[in-house]
PDB file of N, CA and C in Angstrom:
ATOM      1  N   UNK A   1      21.477 -14.818 -18.000  1.00  0.00           N
ATOM      2  CA  UNK A   1      20.413 -14.120 -18.682  1.00  0.00           C
ATOM      3  C   UNK A   1      19.056 -14.785 -18.463  1.00  0.00           C
ATOM      4  N   UNK A   2      19.041 -16.084 -18.342  1.00  0.00           N
ATOM      5  CA  UNK A   2      17.793 -16.793 -18.134  1.00  0.00           C
ATOM      6  C   UNK A   2      17.182 -16.422 -16.775  1.00  0.00           C
ATOM      7  N   UNK A   3      18.028 -16.167 -15.791  1.00  0.00           N
ATOM      8  CA  UNK A   3      17.546 -15.779 -14.458  1.00  0.00           C
ATOM      9  C   UNK A   3      16.855 -14.426 -14.535  1.00  0.00           C
ATOM     10  N   UNK A   4      17.419 -13.480 -15.306  1.00  0.00           N
ATOM     11  CA  UNK A   4      16.803 -12.162 -15.454  1.00  0.00           C
ATOM     12  C   UNK A   4      15.428 -12.269 -16.111  1.00  0.00           C
ATOM     13  N   UNK A   5      15.323 -13.129 -17.113  1.00  0.00           N
ATOM     14  CA  UNK A   5      14.031 -13.339 -17.756  1.00  0.00           C
ATOM     15  C   UNK A   5      13.003 -13.908 -16.790  1.00  0.00           C
ATOM     16  N   UNK A   6      13.446 -14.851 -15.970  1.00  0.00           N
ATOM     17  CA  UNK A   6      12.559 -15.448 -14.965  1.00  0.00           C
ATOM     18  C   UNK A   6      12.129 -14.414 -13.937  1.00  0.00           C
ATOM     19  N   UNK A   7      13.082 -13.590 -13.481  1.00  0.00           N
ATOM     20  CA  UNK A   7      12.761 -12.551 -12.500  1.00  0.00           C
ATOM     21  C   UNK A   7      11.812 -11.510 -13.088  1.00  0.00           C
ATOM     22  N   UNK A   8      12.023 -11.151 -14.346  1.00  0.00           N
ATOM     23  CA  UNK A   8      11.155 -10.188 -15.011  1.00  0.00           C
ATOM     24  C   UNK A   8       9.735 -10.738 -15.140  1.00  0.00           C
ATOM     25  N   UNK A   9       9.620 -11.991 -15.530  1.00  0.00           N
ATOM     26  CA  UNK A   9       8.308 -12.630 -15.651  1.00  0.00           C
ATOM     27  C   UNK A   9       7.614 -12.716 -14.287  1.00  0.00           C
ATOM     28  N   UNK A  10       8.391 -13.052 -13.255  1.00  0.00           N
ATOM     29  CA  UNK A  10       7.831 -13.137 -11.908  1.00  0.00           C
ATOM     30  C   UNK A  10       7.329 -11.776 -11.451  1.00  0.00           C
ATOM     31  N   UNK A  11       8.120 -10.720 -11.677  1.00  0.00           N
ATOM     32  CA  UNK A  11       7.709  -9.367 -11.297  1.00  0.00           C
ATOM     33  C   UNK A  11       6.435  -8.963 -12.022  1.00  0.00           C
ATOM     34  N   UNK A  12       6.376  -9.206 -13.319  1.00  0.00           N
ATOM     35  CA  UNK A  12       5.188  -8.862 -14.091  1.00  0.00           C
ATOM     36  C   UNK A  12       3.955  -9.593 -13.574  1.00  0.00           C
ATOM     37  N   UNK A  13       4.102 -10.846 -13.245  1.00  0.00           N
ATOM     38  CA  UNK A  13       2.980 -11.636 -12.733  1.00  0.00           C
ATOM     39  C   UNK A  13       2.494 -11.085 -11.394  1.00  0.00           C
ATOM     40  N   UNK A  14       3.425 -10.796 -10.495  1.00  0.00           N
ATOM     41  CA  UNK A  14       3.054 -10.249  -9.181  1.00  0.00           C
ATOM     42  C   UNK A  14       2.366  -8.901  -9.333  1.00  0.00           C
ATOM     43  N   UNK A  15       2.913  -8.044 -10.193  1.00  0.00           N
ATOM     44  CA  UNK A  15       2.326  -6.715 -10.397  1.00  0.00           C
ATOM     45  C   UNK A  15       0.935  -6.833 -11.018  1.00  0.00           C
ATOM     46  N   UNK A  16       0.761  -7.709 -11.983  1.00  0.00           N
ATOM     47  CA  UNK A  16      -0.554  -7.875 -12.610  1.00  0.00           C
ATOM     48  C   UNK A  16      -1.591  -8.379 -11.604  1.00  0.00           C
ATOM     49  N   UNK A  17      -1.195  -9.290 -10.734  1.00  0.00           N
ATOM     50  CA  UNK A  17      -2.116  -9.769  -9.690  1.00  0.00           C
ATOM     51  C   UNK A  17      -2.458  -8.635  -8.729  1.00  0.00           C
ATOM     52  N   UNK A  18      -1.448  -7.861  -8.329  1.00  0.00           N
ATOM     53  CA  UNK A  18      -1.678  -6.734  -7.414  1.00  0.00           C
ATOM     54  C   UNK A  18      -2.588  -5.686  -8.060  1.00  0.00           C
ATOM     55  N   UNK A  19      -2.385  -5.422  -9.355  1.00  0.00           N
ATOM     56  CA  UNK A  19      -3.232  -4.467 -10.067  1.00  0.00           C
ATOM     57  C   UNK A  19      -4.685  -4.933 -10.029  1.00  0.00           C
ATOM     58  N   UNK A  20      -4.912  -6.201 -10.336  1.00  0.00           N
ATOM     59  CA  UNK A  20      -6.276  -6.737 -10.314  1.00  0.00           C
ATOM     60  C   UNK A  20      -6.888  -6.652  -8.916  1.00  0.00           C
ATOM     61  N   UNK A  21      -6.093  -6.958  -7.898  1.00  0.00           N
ATOM     62  CA  UNK A  21      -6.607  -6.880  -6.524  1.00  0.00           C
ATOM     63  C   UNK A  21      -7.021  -5.449  -6.190  1.00  0.00           C
ATOM     64  N   UNK A  22      -6.159  -4.471  -6.494  1.00  0.00           N
ATOM     65  CA  UNK A  22      -6.490  -3.080  -6.212  1.00  0.00           C
ATOM     66  C   UNK A  22      -7.712  -2.633  -7.003  1.00  0.00           C
ATOM     67  N   UNK A  23      -7.809  -3.034  -8.266  1.00  0.00           N
ATOM     68  CA  UNK A  23      -8.970  -2.671  -9.082  1.00  0.00           C
ATOM     69  C   UNK A  23     -10.259  -3.240  -8.485  1.00  0.00           C
ATOM     70  N   UNK A  24     -10.240  -4.533  -8.126  1.00  0.00           N
ATOM     71  CA  UNK A  24     -11.433  -5.153  -7.548  1.00  0.00           C
ATOM     72  C   UNK A  24     -11.807  -4.525  -6.211  1.00  0.00           C
ATOM     73  N   UNK A  25     -10.812  -4.254  -5.379  1.00  0.00           N
ATOM     74  CA  UNK A  25     -11.092  -3.609  -4.089  1.00  0.00           C
ATOM     75  C   UNK A  25     -11.700  -2.231  -4.322  1.00  0.00           C
ATOM     76  N   UNK A  26     -11.133  -1.471  -5.267  1.00  0.00           N
ATOM     77  CA  UNK A  26     -11.668  -0.136  -5.571  1.00  0.00           C
ATOM     78  C   UNK A  26     -13.103  -0.192  -6.055  1.00  0.00           C
ATOM     79  N   UNK A  27     -13.385  -1.114  -6.960  1.00  0.00           N
ATOM     80  CA  UNK A  27     -14.759  -1.270  -7.463  1.00  0.00           C
ATOM     81  C   UNK A  27     -15.694  -1.683  -6.333  1.00  0.00           C
ATOM     82  N   UNK A  28     -15.233  -2.587  -5.480  1.00  0.00           N
ATOM     83  CA  UNK A  28     -16.049  -3.024  -4.344  1.00  0.00           C
ATOM     84  C   UNK A  28     -16.362  -1.886  -3.387  1.00  0.00           C
ATOM     85  N   UNK A  29     -15.353  -1.088  -3.063  1.00  0.00           N
ATOM     86  CA  UNK A  29     -15.560   0.040  -2.145  1.00  0.00           C
ATOM     87  C   UNK A  29     -16.529   1.046  -2.754  1.00  0.00           C
ATOM     88  N   UNK A  30     -16.361   1.353  -4.037  1.00  0.00           N
ATOM     89  CA  UNK A  30     -17.254   2.309  -4.697  1.00  0.00           C
ATOM     90  C   UNK A  30     -18.680   1.766  -4.750  1.00  0.00           C
ATOM     91  N   UNK A  31     -18.838   0.485  -5.051  1.00  0.00           N
ATOM     92  CA  UNK A  31     -20.167  -0.122  -5.116  1.00  0.00           C
ATOM     93  C   UNK A  31     -20.854  -0.112  -3.757  1.00  0.00           C
ATOM     94  N   UNK A  32     -20.133  -0.548  -2.720  1.00  0.00           N
ATOM     95  CA  UNK A  32     -20.714  -0.563  -1.372  1.00  0.00           C
ATOM     96  C   UNK A  32     -21.060   0.853  -0.931  1.00  0.00           C
ATOM     97  N   UNK A  33     -20.192   1.809  -1.219  1.00  0.00           N
ATOM     98  CA  UNK A  33     -20.459   3.202  -0.852  1.00  0.00           C
ATOM     99  C   UNK A  33     -21.694   3.739  -1.577  1.00  0.00           C
ATOM    100  N   UNK A  34     -21.828   3.372  -2.841  1.00  0.00           N
ATOM    101  CA  UNK A  34     -23.001   3.810  -3.600  1.00  0.00           C
ATOM    102  C   UNK A  34     -24.295   3.237  -3.043  1.00  0.00           C
ATOM    103  N   UNK A  35     -24.285   1.964  -2.697  1.00  0.00           N
ATOM    104  CA  UNK A  35     -25.476   1.328  -2.116  1.00  0.00           C
ATOM    105  C   UNK A  35     -25.803   1.960  -0.762  1.00  0.00           C
ATOM    106  N   UNK A  36     -24.769   2.149   0.076  1.00  0.00           N
ATOM    107  CA  UNK A  36     -24.996   2.793   1.376  1.00  0.00           C
ATOM    108  C   UNK A  36     -25.493   4.220   1.195  1.00  0.00           C
ATOM    109  N   UNK A  37     -24.943   4.920   0.192  1.00  0.00           N
ATOM    110  CA  UNK A  37     -25.390   6.281  -0.089  1.00  0.00           C
ATOM    111  C   UNK A  37     -26.851   6.322  -0.480  1.00  0.00           C
ATOM    112  N   UNK A  38     -27.275   5.375  -1.302  1.00  0.00           N
ATOM    113  CA  UNK A  38     -28.685   5.311  -1.703  1.00  0.00           C
ATOM    114  C   UNK A  38     -29.581   5.027  -0.503  1.00  0.00           C
ATOM    115  N   UNK A  39     -29.170   4.094   0.330  1.00  0.00           N
ATOM    116  CA  UNK A  39     -29.952   3.765   1.528  1.00  0.00           C
ATOM    117  C   UNK A  39     -30.044   4.972   2.451  1.00  0.00           C
ATOM    118  N   UNK A  40     -28.920   5.645   2.686  1.00  0.00           N
ATOM    119  CA  UNK A  40     -28.922   6.836   3.541  1.00  0.00           C
ATOM    120  C   UNK A  40     -29.780   7.949   2.952  1.00  0.00           C
ATOM    121  N   UNK A  41     -29.750   8.104   1.620  1.00  0.00           N
ATOM    122  CA  UNK A  41     -30.564   9.119   0.965  1.00  0.00           C
ATOM    123  C   UNK A  41     -32.053   8.817   1.146  1.00  0.00           C
ATOM    124  N   UNK A  42     -32.411   7.549   0.954  1.00  0.00           N
ATOM    125  CA  UNK A  42     -33.814   7.164   1.115  1.00  0.00           C
ATOM    126  C   UNK A  42     -34.293   7.326   2.550  1.00  0.00           C
ATOM    127  N   UNK A  43     -33.379   7.164   3.520  1.00  0.00           N
ATOM    128  CA  UNK A  43     -33.729   7.355   4.926  1.00  0.00           C
ATOM    129  C   UNK A  43     -33.709   8.828   5.330  1.00  0.00           C
ATOM    130  N   UNK A  44     -33.221   9.687   4.436  1.00  0.00           N
ATOM    131  CA  UNK A  44     -33.216  11.120   4.701  1.00  0.00           C
ATOM    132  C   UNK A  44     -32.120  11.571   5.664  1.00  0.00           C
ATOM    133  N   UNK A  45     -31.039  10.845   5.731  1.00  0.00           N
ATOM    134  CA  UNK A  45     -29.950  11.215   6.637  1.00  0.00           C
ATOM    135  C   UNK A  45     -29.197  12.429   6.093  1.00  0.00           C
ATOM    136  N   UNK A  46     -28.805  13.299   6.992  1.00  0.00           N
ATOM    137  CA  UNK A  46     -28.178  14.564   6.582  1.00  0.00           C
ATOM    138  C   UNK A  46     -26.727  14.404   6.145  1.00  0.00           C
ATOM    139  N   UNK A  47     -26.064  13.359   6.580  1.00  0.00           N
ATOM    140  CA  UNK A  47     -24.648  13.194   6.246  1.00  0.00           C
ATOM    141  C   UNK A  47     -24.417  12.279   5.032  1.00  0.00           C
ATOM    142  N   UNK A  48     -25.428  12.087   4.223  1.00  0.00           N
ATOM    143  CA  UNK A  48     -25.339  11.178   3.078  1.00  0.00           C
ATOM    144  C   UNK A  48     -24.241  11.596   2.104  1.00  0.00           C
ATOM    145  N   UNK A  49     -24.202  12.880   1.759  1.00  0.00           N
ATOM    146  CA  UNK A  49     -23.199  13.347   0.788  1.00  0.00           C
ATOM    147  C   UNK A  49     -21.783  13.152   1.301  1.00  0.00           C
ATOM    148  N   UNK A  50     -21.584  13.424   2.585  1.00  0.00           N
ATOM    149  CA  UNK A  50     -20.260  13.275   3.176  1.00  0.00           C
ATOM    150  C   UNK A  50     -19.819  11.818   3.149  1.00  0.00           C
ATOM    151  N   UNK A  51     -20.688  10.916   3.576  1.00  0.00           N
ATOM    152  CA  UNK A  51     -20.337   9.496   3.596  1.00  0.00           C
ATOM    153  C   UNK A  51     -20.098   8.958   2.184  1.00  0.00           C
ATOM    154  N   UNK A  52     -20.922   9.379   1.244  1.00  0.00           N
ATOM    155  CA  UNK A  52     -20.753   8.934  -0.138  1.00  0.00           C
ATOM    156  C   UNK A  52     -19.437   9.449  -0.713  1.00  0.00           C
ATOM    157  N   UNK A  53     -19.132  10.716  -0.478  1.00  0.00           N
ATOM    158  CA  UNK A  53     -17.879  11.285  -0.983  1.00  0.00           C
ATOM    159  C   UNK A  53     -16.669  10.586  -0.370  1.00  0.00           C
ATOM    160  N   UNK A  54     -16.735  10.259   0.915  1.00  0.00           N
ATOM    161  CA  UNK A  54     -15.626   9.563   1.562  1.00  0.00           C
ATOM    162  C   UNK A  54     -15.426   8.175   0.956  1.00  0.00           C
ATOM    163  N   UNK A  55     -16.512   7.468   0.705  1.00  0.00           N
ATOM    164  CA  UNK A  55     -16.421   6.143   0.096  1.00  0.00           C
ATOM    165  C   UNK A  55     -15.882   6.195  -1.318  1.00  0.00           C
ATOM    166  N   UNK A  56     -16.351   7.162  -2.098  1.00  0.00           N
ATOM    167  CA  UNK A  56     -15.865   7.305  -3.470  1.00  0.00           C
ATOM    168  C   UNK A  56     -14.374   7.650  -3.486  1.00  0.00           C
ATOM    169  N   UNK A  57     -13.959   8.531  -2.575  1.00  0.00           N
ATOM    170  CA  UNK A  57     -12.547   8.905  -2.506  1.00  0.00           C
ATOM    171  C   UNK A  57     -11.687   7.686  -2.159  1.00  0.00           C
ATOM    172  N   UNK A  58     -12.146   6.886  -1.221  1.00  0.00           N
ATOM    173  CA  UNK A  58     -11.384   5.689  -0.838  1.00  0.00           C
ATOM    174  C   UNK A  58     -11.281   4.717  -2.014  1.00  0.00           C
ATOM    175  N   UNK A  59     -12.383   4.497  -2.712  1.00  0.00           N
ATOM    176  CA  UNK A  59     -12.369   3.606  -3.871  1.00  0.00           C
ATOM    177  C   UNK A  59     -11.441   4.110  -4.966  1.00  0.00           C
ATOM    178  N   UNK A  60     -11.478   5.432  -5.215  1.00  0.00           N
ATOM    179  CA  UNK A  60     -10.601   5.996  -6.232  1.00  0.00           C
ATOM    180  C   UNK A  60      -9.133   5.892  -5.838  1.00  0.00           C
ATOM    181  N   UNK A  61      -8.845   5.967  -4.559  1.00  0.00           N
ATOM    182  CA  UNK A  61      -7.456   5.833  -4.120  1.00  0.00           C
ATOM    183  C   UNK A  61      -6.936   4.416  -4.385  1.00  0.00           C
ATOM    184  N   UNK A  62      -7.784   3.413  -4.205  1.00  0.00           N
ATOM    185  CA  UNK A  62      -7.370   2.050  -4.554  1.00  0.00           C
ATOM    186  C   UNK A  62      -7.125   1.931  -6.060  1.00  0.00           C
ATOM    187  N   UNK A  63      -8.021   2.519  -6.849  1.00  0.00           N
ATOM    188  CA  UNK A  63      -7.871   2.444  -8.294  1.00  0.00           C
ATOM    189  C   UNK A  63      -6.651   3.236  -8.754  1.00  0.00           C
ATOM    190  N   UNK A  64      -6.351   4.342  -8.087  1.00  0.00           N
ATOM    191  CA  UNK A  64      -5.151   5.110  -8.393  1.00  0.00           C
ATOM    192  C   UNK A  64      -3.906   4.280  -8.074  1.00  0.00           C
ATOM    193  N   UNK A  65      -3.953   3.546  -6.976  1.00  0.00           N
ATOM    194  CA  UNK A  65      -2.847   2.651  -6.629  1.00  0.00           C
ATOM    195  C   UNK A  65      -2.598   1.616  -7.701  1.00  0.00           C
ATOM    196  N   UNK A  66      -3.661   1.101  -8.296  1.00  0.00           N
ATOM    197  CA  UNK A  66      -3.481   0.108  -9.366  1.00  0.00           C
ATOM    198  C   UNK A  66      -2.820   0.730 -10.589  1.00  0.00           C
ATOM    199  N   UNK A  67      -3.155   1.984 -10.890  1.00  0.00           N
ATOM    200  CA  UNK A  67      -2.537   2.651 -12.035  1.00  0.00           C
ATOM    201  C   UNK A  67      -1.061   2.937 -11.768  1.00  0.00           C
ATOM    202  N   UNK A  68      -0.732   3.286 -10.543  1.00  0.00           N
ATOM    203  CA  UNK A  68       0.677   3.506 -10.206  1.00  0.00           C
ATOM    204  C   UNK A  68       1.459   2.208 -10.369  1.00  0.00           C
ATOM    205  N   UNK A  69       0.886   1.107  -9.929  1.00  0.00           N
ATOM    206  CA  UNK A  69       1.535  -0.195 -10.129  1.00  0.00           C
ATOM    207  C   UNK A  69       1.679  -0.520 -11.615  1.00  0.00           C
ATOM    208  N   UNK A  70       0.710  -0.113 -12.394  1.00  0.00           N
ATOM    209  CA  UNK A  70       0.738  -0.399 -13.836  1.00  0.00           C
ATOM    210  C   UNK A  70       1.957   0.242 -14.513  1.00  0.00           C
ATOM    211  N   UNK A  71       2.461   1.347 -13.933  1.00  0.00           N
ATOM    212  CA  UNK A  71       3.628   2.005 -14.533  1.00  0.00           C
ATOM    213  C   UNK A  71       4.868   1.108 -14.486  1.00  0.00           C
ATOM    214  N   UNK A  72       4.869   0.108 -13.615  1.00  0.00           N
ATOM    215  CA  UNK A  72       6.018  -0.801 -13.505  1.00  0.00           C
ATOM    216  C   UNK A  72       6.153  -1.683 -14.741  1.00  0.00           C
ATOM    217  N   UNK A  73       5.038  -2.009 -15.386  1.00  0.00           N
ATOM    218  CA  UNK A  73       5.083  -2.989 -16.478  1.00  0.00           C
ATOM    219  C   UNK A  73       4.831  -2.398 -17.861  1.00  0.00           C
ATOM    220  N   UNK A  74       4.731  -1.064 -17.965  1.00  0.00           N
ATOM    221  CA  UNK A  74       4.518  -0.485 -19.300  1.00  0.00           C
ATOM    222  C   UNK A  74       5.779  -0.649 -20.137  1.00  0.00           C
ATOM    223  N   UNK A  75       5.595  -0.800 -21.432  1.00  0.00           N
ATOM    224  CA  UNK A  75       6.711  -1.121 -22.322  1.00  0.00           C
ATOM    225  C   UNK A  75       7.064  -0.011 -23.319  1.00  0.00           C
ATOM    226  N   UNK A  76       6.115   0.855 -23.666  1.00  0.00           N
ATOM    227  CA  UNK A  76       6.429   1.886 -24.650  1.00  0.00           C
ATOM    228  C   UNK A  76       5.825   3.230 -24.253  1.00  0.00           C
ATOM    229  N   UNK A  77       6.175   4.270 -24.980  1.00  0.00           N
ATOM    230  CA  UNK A  77       5.776   5.636 -24.636  1.00  0.00           C
ATOM    231  C   UNK A  77       4.266   5.827 -24.731  1.00  0.00           C
ATOM    232  N   UNK A  78       3.618   5.151 -25.667  1.00  0.00           N
ATOM    233  CA  UNK A  78       2.167   5.283 -25.805  1.00  0.00           C
ATOM    234  C   UNK A  78       1.461   4.753 -24.557  1.00  0.00           C
ATOM    235  N   UNK A  79       1.909   3.622 -24.034  1.00  0.00           N
ATOM    236  CA  UNK A  79       1.333   3.072 -22.807  1.00  0.00           C
ATOM    237  C   UNK A  79       1.590   4.008 -21.628  1.00  0.00           C
ATOM    238  N   UNK A  80       2.783   4.592 -21.576  1.00  0.00           N
ATOM    239  CA  UNK A  80       3.100   5.527 -20.489  1.00  0.00           C
ATOM    240  C   UNK A  80       2.171   6.729 -20.531  1.00  0.00           C
ATOM    241  N   UNK A  81       1.916   7.258 -21.730  1.00  0.00           N
ATOM    242  CA  UNK A  81       1.023   8.408 -21.864  1.00  0.00           C
ATOM    243  C   UNK A  81      -0.402   8.063 -21.444  1.00  0.00           C
ATOM    244  N   UNK A  82      -0.867   6.899 -21.822  1.00  0.00           N
ATOM    245  CA  UNK A  82      -2.218   6.474 -21.448  1.00  0.00           C
ATOM    246  C   UNK A  82      -2.326   6.311 -19.933  1.00  0.00           C
ATOM    247  N   UNK A  83      -1.364   5.618 -19.333  1.00  0.00           N
ATOM    248  CA  UNK A  83      -1.378   5.413 -17.886  1.00  0.00           C
ATOM    249  C   UNK A  83      -1.241   6.754 -17.167  1.00  0.00           C
ATOM    250  N   UNK A  84      -0.378   7.634 -17.683  1.00  0.00           N
ATOM    251  CA  UNK A  84      -0.216   8.965 -17.090  1.00  0.00           C
ATOM    252  C   UNK A  84      -1.510   9.762 -17.128  1.00  0.00           C
ATOM    253  N   UNK A  85      -2.224   9.681 -18.246  1.00  0.00           N
ATOM    254  CA  UNK A  85      -3.512  10.367 -18.356  1.00  0.00           C
ATOM    255  C   UNK A  85      -4.538   9.831 -17.371  1.00  0.00           C
ATOM    256  N   UNK A  86      -4.579   8.521 -17.220  1.00  0.00           N
ATOM    257  CA  UNK A  86      -5.508   7.901 -16.273  1.00  0.00           C
ATOM    258  C   UNK A  86      -5.155   8.313 -14.847  1.00  0.00           C
ATOM    259  N   UNK A  87      -3.858   8.313 -14.526  1.00  0.00           N
ATOM    260  CA  UNK A  87      -3.429   8.730 -13.186  1.00  0.00           C
ATOM    261  C   UNK A  87      -3.816  10.183 -12.941  1.00  0.00           C
ATOM    262  N   UNK A  88      -3.596  11.051 -13.913  1.00  0.00           N
ATOM    263  CA  UNK A  88      -3.954  12.462 -13.778  1.00  0.00           C
ATOM    264  C   UNK A  88      -5.449  12.638 -13.552  1.00  0.00           C
ATOM    265  N   UNK A  89      -6.254  11.925 -14.322  1.00  0.00           N
ATOM    266  CA  UNK A  89      -7.711  12.007 -14.184  1.00  0.00           C
ATOM    267  C   UNK A  89      -8.166  11.516 -12.814  1.00  0.00           C
ATOM    268  N   UNK A  90      -7.670  10.370 -12.383  1.00  0.00           N
ATOM    269  CA  UNK A  90      -8.083   9.812 -11.088  1.00  0.00           C
ATOM    270  C   UNK A  90      -7.578  10.663  -9.930  1.00  0.00           C
ATOM    271  N   UNK A  91      -6.372  11.217 -10.060  1.00  0.00           N
ATOM    272  CA  UNK A  91      -5.850  12.089  -9.005  1.00  0.00           C
ATOM    273  C   UNK A  91      -6.693  13.359  -8.909  1.00  0.00           C
ATOM    274  N   UNK A  92      -7.097  13.905 -10.050  1.00  0.00           N
ATOM    275  CA  UNK A  92      -7.948  15.097 -10.057  1.00  0.00           C
ATOM    276  C   UNK A  92      -9.292  14.796  -9.400  1.00  0.00           C
ATOM    277  N   UNK A  93      -9.888  13.670  -9.735  1.00  0.00           N
ATOM    278  CA  UNK A  93     -11.156  13.286  -9.108  1.00  0.00           C
ATOM    279  C   UNK A  93     -11.007  13.110  -7.606  1.00  0.00           C
ATOM    280  N   UNK A  94      -9.897  12.513  -7.175  1.00  0.00           N
ATOM    281  CA  UNK A  94      -9.654  12.319  -5.750  1.00  0.00           C
ATOM    282  C   UNK A  94      -9.511  13.659  -5.045  1.00  0.00           C
ATOM    283  N   UNK A  95      -8.780  14.598  -5.648  1.00  0.00           N
ATOM    284  CA  UNK A  95      -8.617  15.932  -5.053  1.00  0.00           C
ATOM    285  C   UNK A  95      -9.964  16.628  -4.949  1.00  0.00           C
ATOM    286  N   UNK A  96     -10.769  16.543  -5.990  1.00  0.00           N
ATOM    287  CA  UNK A  96     -12.097  17.168  -5.953  1.00  0.00           C
ATOM    288  C   UNK A  96     -12.988  16.544  -4.880  1.00  0.00           C
ATOM    289  N   UNK A  97     -12.911  15.240  -4.739  1.00  0.00           N
ATOM    290  CA  UNK A  97     -13.711  14.585  -3.694  1.00  0.00           C
ATOM    291  C   UNK A  97     -13.240  14.987  -2.299  1.00  0.00           C
ATOM    292  N   UNK A  98     -11.929  15.103  -2.103  1.00  0.00           N
ATOM    293  CA  UNK A  98     -11.431  15.538  -0.800  1.00  0.00           C
ATOM    294  C   UNK A  98     -11.847  16.981  -0.506  1.00  0.00           C
ATOM    295  N   UNK A  99     -11.882  17.817  -1.539  1.00  0.00           N
ATOM    296  CA  UNK A  99     -12.365  19.192  -1.389  1.00  0.00           C
ATOM    297  C   UNK A  99     -13.837  19.189  -0.992  1.00  0.00           C
ATOM    298  N   UNK A 100     -14.626  18.335  -1.642  1.00  0.00           N
ATOM    299  CA  UNK A 100     -16.051  18.201  -1.311  1.00  0.00           C
ATOM    300  C   UNK A 100     -16.225  17.720   0.130  1.00  0.00           C
ATOM    301  N   UNK A 101     -15.417  16.751   0.549  1.00  0.00           N
ATOM    302  CA  UNK A 101     -15.495  16.238   1.920  1.00  0.00           C
ATOM    303  C   UNK A 101     -15.186  17.353   2.908  1.00  0.00           C
ATOM    304  N   UNK A 102     -14.150  18.129   2.621  1.00  0.00           N
ATOM    305  CA  UNK A 102     -13.775  19.242   3.508  1.00  0.00           C
ATOM    306  C   UNK A 102     -14.921  20.239   3.624  1.00  0.00           C
ATOM    307  N   UNK A 103     -15.541  20.573   2.501  1.00  0.00           N
ATOM    308  CA  UNK A 103     -16.659  21.521   2.519  1.00  0.00           C
ATOM    309  C   UNK A 103     -17.868  20.954   3.257  1.00  0.00           C
ATOM    310  N   UNK A 104     -18.158  19.676   3.036  1.00  0.00           N
ATOM    311  CA  UNK A 104     -19.286  19.057   3.725  1.00  0.00           C
ATOM    312  C   UNK A 104     -19.058  19.017   5.229  1.00  0.00           C
ATOM    313  N   UNK A 105     -17.822  18.729   5.656  1.00  0.00           N
ATOM    314  CA  UNK A 105     -17.518  18.701   7.076  1.00  0.00           C
ATOM    315  C   UNK A 105     -17.645  20.084   7.699  1.00  0.00           C
ATOM    316  N   UNK A 106     -17.192  21.117   6.964  1.00  0.00           N
ATOM    317  CA  UNK A 106     -17.288  22.474   7.517  1.00  0.00           C
ATOM    318  C   UNK A 106     -18.741  22.941   7.562  1.00  0.00           C
ATOM    319  N   UNK A 107     -19.547  22.519   6.591  1.00  0.00           N
ATOM    320  CA  UNK A 107     -20.976  22.860   6.612  1.00  0.00           C
ATOM    321  C   UNK A 107     -21.719  22.142   7.716  1.00  0.00           C
ATOM    322  N   UNK A 108     -21.248  20.965   8.103  1.00  0.00           N
ATOM    323  CA  UNK A 108     -21.914  20.153   9.124  1.00  0.00           C
ATOM    324  C   UNK A 108     -21.596  20.633  10.541  1.00  0.00           C
ATOM    325  N   UNK A 109     -20.526  21.424  10.698  1.00  0.00           N
ATOM    326  CA  UNK A 109     -20.158  21.899  12.025  1.00  0.00           C
ATOM    327  C   UNK A 109     -21.208  22.863  12.548  1.00  0.00           C
ATOM    328  N   UNK A 110     -21.593  22.708  13.817  1.00  0.00           N
ATOM    329  CA  UNK A 110     -22.563  23.655  14.401  1.00  0.00           C
ATOM    330  C   UNK A 110     -21.912  25.019  14.602  1.00  0.00           C
ATOM    331  N   UNK A 111     -22.692  26.054  14.361  1.00  0.00           N
ATOM    332  CA  UNK A 111     -22.153  27.407  14.498  1.00  0.00           C
ATOM    333  C   UNK A 111     -22.438  27.999  15.836  1.00  0.00           C
TER     334      UNK A 111
END
């Protein structure tokens, strides 16, 4: 039984570290994309919205990955509902951003 406790603690520690890594990477990608988006906007580049949407989608996918990992260590139904709600919200935002990217790409195509 002591081995199971040790393995459980080890798994929780690894998952918590992975969650933090994914969260930080997601925040970093979103921040860099936002700064690049502002620079591109100030320079008047036509593909600013597309590049910004792609960066935001990538950042949200990292953050969604962290929430999926979080489901490994939840302990009760209330935590599951909260994590499920966050996953649903982030997945919806990701789908909307991919839809925006698709529309921006089709608008950018020469006719």
